Structure formats: structure tokens, C-alpha cells
Amino acid sequence: MTDVVDADELLRRMQRARACALEEERAWRSRSDALRPSDPEGSREAAVRTLAYETVLRVLDEILTPGRRPRTDEPSD
């Protein structure tokens, strides 16, 4: 069975998802930095995960605050 969710609850869930993704992105970035000297392969894997969470954050930011972040592939004036 599927629950029906109102717009406010959907917004709260997306904000929680964004907060979680931000926390994970920071943790993986920190892990990548820590592993760099001792485990280059582990550091690379952590860096890939960091990029994945950065992408999730970009998508959620665009949903939650459309147009707020400038696109990186377009030159700014």
C-alpha cells in the first residue's frame, strides 16, 4: 500500500535527504583525504563516492531552490 504525502511532508523529506547527503559527502571527502597517503586505491574509491554525493546534492538543491546555484558548464557574466 502506498501512502499519500502532502507537499509540506514531501518538502521535509527532501530537506532531510539533502542534509543526509551533505553529511555523507563530507564524510567520504574526509575519508578520501585520510586514505590518500596510505591507501591510494581506497582514496580513489572514496573520491568517487564523494562525487556521487555532490551530484545528489546538486540535484536536490535544484529541486529545493531552483535557479539558486549557477551551472558550472555555462560561463557566468
C-alpha atoms as a PDB file:
ATOM      1  CA  MET A   1       0.000   0.000   0.000  1.00  0.00           C
ATOM      2  CA  THR A   2       1.228   3.491  -0.830  1.00  0.00           C
ATOM      3  CA  ASP A   3       0.886   6.455   1.495  1.00  0.00           C
ATOM      4  CA  VAL A   4      -0.306   9.758   0.107  1.00  0.00           C
ATOM      5  CA  VAL A   5       2.046  12.581   1.112  1.00  0.00           C
ATOM      6  CA  ASP A   6       1.205  16.276   1.046  1.00  0.00           C
ATOM      7  CA  ALA A   7       3.555  18.898  -0.377  1.00  0.00           C
ATOM      8  CA  ASP A   8       4.864  20.013   3.018  1.00  0.00           C
ATOM      9  CA  GLU A   9       5.804  16.465   4.004  1.00  0.00           C
ATOM     10  CA  LEU A  10       7.456  15.907   0.637  1.00  0.00           C
ATOM     11  CA  LEU A  11       9.490  19.096   1.127  1.00  0.00           C
ATOM     12  CA  ARG A  12      10.545  17.981   4.632  1.00  0.00           C
ATOM     13  CA  ARG A  13      11.639  14.598   3.276  1.00  0.00           C
ATOM     14  CA  MET A  14      13.704  16.194   0.522  1.00  0.00           C
ATOM     15  CA  GLN A  15      15.325  18.559   3.033  1.00  0.00           C
ATOM     16  CA  ARG A  16      16.220  15.604   5.264  1.00  0.00           C
ATOM     17  CA  ALA A  17      17.614  13.765   2.244  1.00  0.00           C
ATOM     18  CA  ARG A  18      19.731  16.807   1.391  1.00  0.00           C
ATOM     19  CA  ALA A  19      21.065  17.046   4.954  1.00  0.00           C
ATOM     20  CA  CYS A  20      21.922  13.341   4.890  1.00  0.00           C
ATOM     21  CA  ALA A  21      23.647  13.627   1.500  1.00  0.00           C
ATOM     22  CA  LEU A  22      25.673  16.610   2.739  1.00  0.00           C
ATOM     23  CA  GLU A  23      26.805  14.648   5.785  1.00  0.00           C
ATOM     24  CA  GLU A  24      27.775  11.653   3.642  1.00  0.00           C
ATOM     25  CA  GLU A  25      29.619  13.845   1.129  1.00  0.00           C
ATOM     26  CA  ARG A  26      31.690  15.403   3.921  1.00  0.00           C
ATOM     27  CA  ALA A  27      32.435  12.012   5.475  1.00  0.00           C
ATOM     28  CA  TRP A  28      33.604  10.489   2.167  1.00  0.00           C
ATOM     29  CA  ARG A  29      35.700  13.565   1.350  1.00  0.00           C
ATOM     30  CA  SER A  30      37.354  13.317   4.749  1.00  0.00           C
ATOM     31  CA  ARG A  31      37.944   9.595   4.273  1.00  0.00           C
ATOM     32  CA  SER A  32      39.472  10.185   0.849  1.00  0.00           C
ATOM     33  CA  ASP A  33      41.852  12.780   2.291  1.00  0.00           C
ATOM     34  CA  ALA A  34      42.805  10.495   5.182  1.00  0.00           C
ATOM     35  CA  LEU A  35      43.444   7.479   2.937  1.00  0.00           C
ATOM     36  CA  ARG A  36      45.451   9.334   0.295  1.00  0.00           C
ATOM     37  CA  PRO A  37      48.927   8.717   1.841  1.00  0.00           C
ATOM     38  CA  SER A  38      48.372   5.112   2.943  1.00  0.00           C
ATOM     39  CA  ASP A  39      45.798   3.636   0.552  1.00  0.00           C
ATOM     40  CA  PRO A  40      45.610   5.353  -2.847  1.00  0.00           C
ATOM     41  CA  GLU A  41      43.040   2.886  -4.202  1.00  0.00           C
ATOM     42  CA  GLY A  42      40.791   3.361  -1.180  1.00  0.00           C
ATOM     43  CA  SER A  43      41.222   7.111  -1.521  1.00  0.00           C
ATOM     44  CA  ARG A  44      40.109   6.980  -5.160  1.00  0.00           C
ATOM     45  CA  GLU A  45      37.051   4.925  -4.269  1.00  0.00           C
ATOM     46  CA  ALA A  46      36.139   7.401  -1.537  1.00  0.00           C
ATOM     47  CA  ALA A  47      36.634  10.278  -4.005  1.00  0.00           C
ATOM     48  CA  VAL A  48      34.199   8.622  -6.438  1.00  0.00           C
ATOM     49  CA  ARG A  49      31.622   8.301  -3.677  1.00  0.00           C
ATOM     50  CA  THR A  50      32.210  11.964  -2.820  1.00  0.00           C
ATOM     51  CA  LEU A  51      31.412  12.896  -6.424  1.00  0.00           C
ATOM     52  CA  ALA A  52      28.236  10.817  -6.319  1.00  0.00           C
ATOM     53  CA  TYR A  53      27.003  12.642  -3.218  1.00  0.00           C
ATOM     54  CA  GLU A  54      27.962  16.006  -4.761  1.00  0.00           C
ATOM     55  CA  THR A  55      25.731  15.113  -7.698  1.00  0.00           C
ATOM     56  CA  VAL A  56      22.859  14.170  -5.399  1.00  0.00           C
ATOM     57  CA  LEU A  57      23.298  17.487  -3.578  1.00  0.00           C
ATOM     58  CA  ARG A  58      23.230  19.418  -6.860  1.00  0.00           C
ATOM     59  CA  VAL A  59      20.003  17.726  -7.896  1.00  0.00           C
ATOM     60  CA  LEU A  60      18.315  18.256  -4.531  1.00  0.00           C
ATOM     61  CA  ASP A  61      19.481  21.884  -4.436  1.00  0.00           C
ATOM     62  CA  GLU A  62      17.940  22.499  -7.848  1.00  0.00           C
ATOM     63  CA  ILE A  63      14.662  20.910  -6.727  1.00  0.00           C
ATOM     64  CA  LEU A  64      14.533  22.750  -3.400  1.00  0.00           C
ATOM     65  CA  THR A  65      15.844  26.129  -4.618  1.00  0.00           C
ATOM     66  CA  PRO A  66      15.522  26.315  -8.419  1.00  0.00           C
ATOM     67  CA  GLY A  67      17.999  28.599 -10.131  1.00  0.00           C
ATOM     68  CA  ARG A  68      19.932  29.395  -6.977  1.00  0.00           C
ATOM     69  CA  ARG A  69      23.170  27.591  -7.916  1.00  0.00           C
ATOM     70  CA  PRO A  70      24.856  28.657 -11.145  1.00  0.00           C
ATOM     71  CA  ARG A  71      25.534  25.904 -13.631  1.00  0.00           C
ATOM     72  CA  THR A  72      29.217  25.056 -13.825  1.00  0.00           C
ATOM     73  CA  ASP A  73      29.148  24.237 -17.527  1.00  0.00           C
ATOM     74  CA  GLU A  74      27.985  27.713 -18.520  1.00  0.00           C
ATOM     75  CA  PRO A  75      30.152  30.820 -18.345  1.00  0.00           C
ATOM     76  CA  SER A  76      28.994  33.389 -15.817  1.00  0.00           C
ATOM     77  CA  ASP A  77      28.728  37.091 -16.671  1.00  0.00           C
END
